[in-house]
Structures are given as C-alpha cells and as structure tokens.
Protein backbone atom coordinates (compact mmCIF):
# COMPACT_ATOMS: atom_id res chain seq x y z
CA UNK A 1 65.46 238.18 38.34
CA UNK A 2 67.03 240.68 35.99
CA UNK A 3 64.82 243.30 34.35
CA UNK A 4 64.82 244.87 31.04
CA UNK A 5 67.90 246.96 29.85
CA UNK A 6 69.85 245.79 32.92
CA UNK A 7 73.67 246.02 32.63
CA UNK A 8 75.89 243.87 34.69
CA UNK A 9 79.54 244.17 34.25
CA UNK A 10 82.20 241.40 34.62
CA UNK A 11 82.39 239.44 37.73
CA UNK A 12 78.93 240.55 39.13
CA UNK A 13 77.25 237.92 41.50
CA UNK A 14 73.45 238.13 42.17
CA UNK A 15 71.75 235.79 44.49
CA UNK A 16 67.97 236.01 45.67
CA UNK A 17 67.92 239.43 44.14
CA UNK A 18 65.38 241.38 41.89
CA UNK A 19 66.96 244.06 39.63
CA UNK A 20 64.10 245.93 37.95
CA UNK A 21 66.18 247.23 35.09
CA UNK A 22 66.19 250.67 33.46
CA UNK A 23 63.93 253.03 31.59
CA UNK A 24 66.46 253.47 28.89
CA UNK A 25 69.65 251.80 27.59
CA UNK A 26 73.02 253.54 27.92
CA UNK A 27 75.26 252.84 24.89
CA UNK A 28 78.93 252.04 25.31
CA UNK A 29 80.06 255.39 24.40
CA UNK A 30 77.68 256.99 27.03
CA UNK A 31 78.95 254.64 29.53
CA UNK A 32 82.46 255.42 28.70
CA UNK A 33 81.62 259.25 29.01
CA UNK A 34 79.90 258.80 32.30
CA UNK A 35 82.92 256.73 33.57
CA UNK A 36 85.38 259.51 32.33
CA UNK A 37 83.55 262.09 34.28
CA UNK A 38 83.97 260.07 37.31
CA UNK A 39 80.29 259.09 37.53
CA UNK A 40 78.70 255.66 37.72
CA UNK A 41 76.62 254.49 34.84
CA UNK A 42 73.16 252.65 35.32
CA UNK A 43 73.45 249.06 36.29
CA UNK A 44 76.10 247.26 38.35
CA UNK A 45 79.82 247.67 38.19
CA UNK A 46 82.67 245.09 38.05
CA UNK A 47 83.09 242.46 40.80
CA UNK A 48 80.08 243.57 42.84
CA UNK A 49 78.37 240.88 45.10
CA UNK A 50 74.72 241.40 45.77
CA UNK A 51 72.40 239.09 48.09
CA UNK A 52 68.79 239.45 49.22
CA UNK A 53 68.24 242.74 47.38
CA UNK A 54 65.54 244.55 45.49
CA UNK A 55 66.92 247.11 43.28
CA UNK A 56 64.58 249.78 41.86
CA UNK A 57 64.80 251.08 38.23
CA UNK A 58 67.82 253.13 37.05
CA UNK A 59 70.03 252.33 40.04
CA UNK A 60 73.55 252.85 39.80
CA UNK A 61 75.97 250.44 41.57
CA UNK A 62 79.68 251.00 41.40
CA UNK A 63 82.38 248.45 41.10
CA UNK A 64 83.43 246.17 44.02
CA UNK A 65 80.16 246.90 45.97
CA UNK A 66 78.94 244.45 48.46
CA UNK A 67 75.25 244.35 49.39
CA UNK A 68 74.47 241.48 51.49
CA UNK A 69 73.36 242.69 55.06
CA UNK A 70 76.02 240.75 56.72
CA UNK A 71 75.15 242.14 60.14
CA UNK A 72 71.61 240.76 59.77
CA UNK A 73 69.91 244.26 60.28
CA UNK A 74 66.18 243.84 60.03
CA UNK A 75 65.04 247.40 59.54
CA UNK A 76 66.96 250.46 58.58
CA UNK A 77 66.03 253.80 56.91
CA UNK A 78 69.03 255.34 54.97
CA UNK A 79 67.48 257.16 52.05
CA UNK A 80 70.34 259.76 52.02
CA UNK A 81 72.56 256.77 51.22
CA UNK A 82 70.04 255.24 48.67
CA UNK A 83 68.65 252.33 50.47
CA UNK A 84 66.35 250.94 53.04
CA UNK A 85 66.25 247.52 54.83
CA UNK A 86 63.00 245.77 55.32
CA UNK A 87 62.64 242.39 57.07
CA UNK A 88 66.32 241.80 56.30
CA UNK A 89 66.06 242.61 52.60
CA UNK A 90 68.11 245.56 51.32
CA UNK A 91 65.95 247.86 48.91
CA UNK A 92 67.92 250.11 46.62
CA UNK A 93 65.92 253.19 45.79
CA UNK A 94 65.02 254.34 42.27
CA UNK A 95 67.91 256.44 40.69
CA UNK A 96 70.10 255.82 43.64
CA UNK A 97 73.86 255.83 43.38
CA UNK A 98 75.95 253.41 45.49
CA UNK A 99 79.65 254.44 45.19
CA UNK A 100 82.45 252.17 44.41
CA UNK A 101 83.54 249.83 47.19
CA UNK A 102 80.52 250.42 49.40
CA UNK A 103 79.61 247.58 51.78
CA UNK A 104 76.06 247.26 52.87
C-alpha cells in the first residue's frame, strides 16, 4: 500500500509493505536542491528493495537500501538508526532518514 504524496524512484521494489506517504509534496527542484546538499529527499531512492515493512510519514530512504530483515530478527529497538522491528516486521519511524546503501 502506497500512501498520498509518496515518491518512489526508479527500480524500487516493495512487497508486503505499507508506506504512509508524506504531509507535503517536494517539487522536482526541491528534490534536486536536497540531493545537491548531500541529503535525502522524502520517499524512496533508486533501486531500493523493501519487504515486510511499515514506513511512517515523511520517511527518507536513500538509494540502494535493502530493508527485508534477512536475519529473521523478531524484536529490535534501534530508534537512533530510525527503525524498530516488531514480530519480524521492520517499522521505519516518522521523519527517519535511512542513508544510501543501508541493509536492515
């Protein structure tokens, strides 16, 4: 399920995932400006693969990120890294930033 004002870049794959969307829409020029500053825009970056995940509003997922809990972790608290795992489902926190190339 993909929520309102969600941005998915090229090559993104979602499976068994709820993406809540965003409170506002970033224009192409705003996205270009954010990227030029070395930051990550709201949404999901190129070639990211996401499975069994709930993403809260305004989450920023970089490019080439893999979120699939491949180790089968049932419970984890990592708010400093922007996520929790509950019953094997990864939960990305509201306004969290997951940097390029991260594997969860």
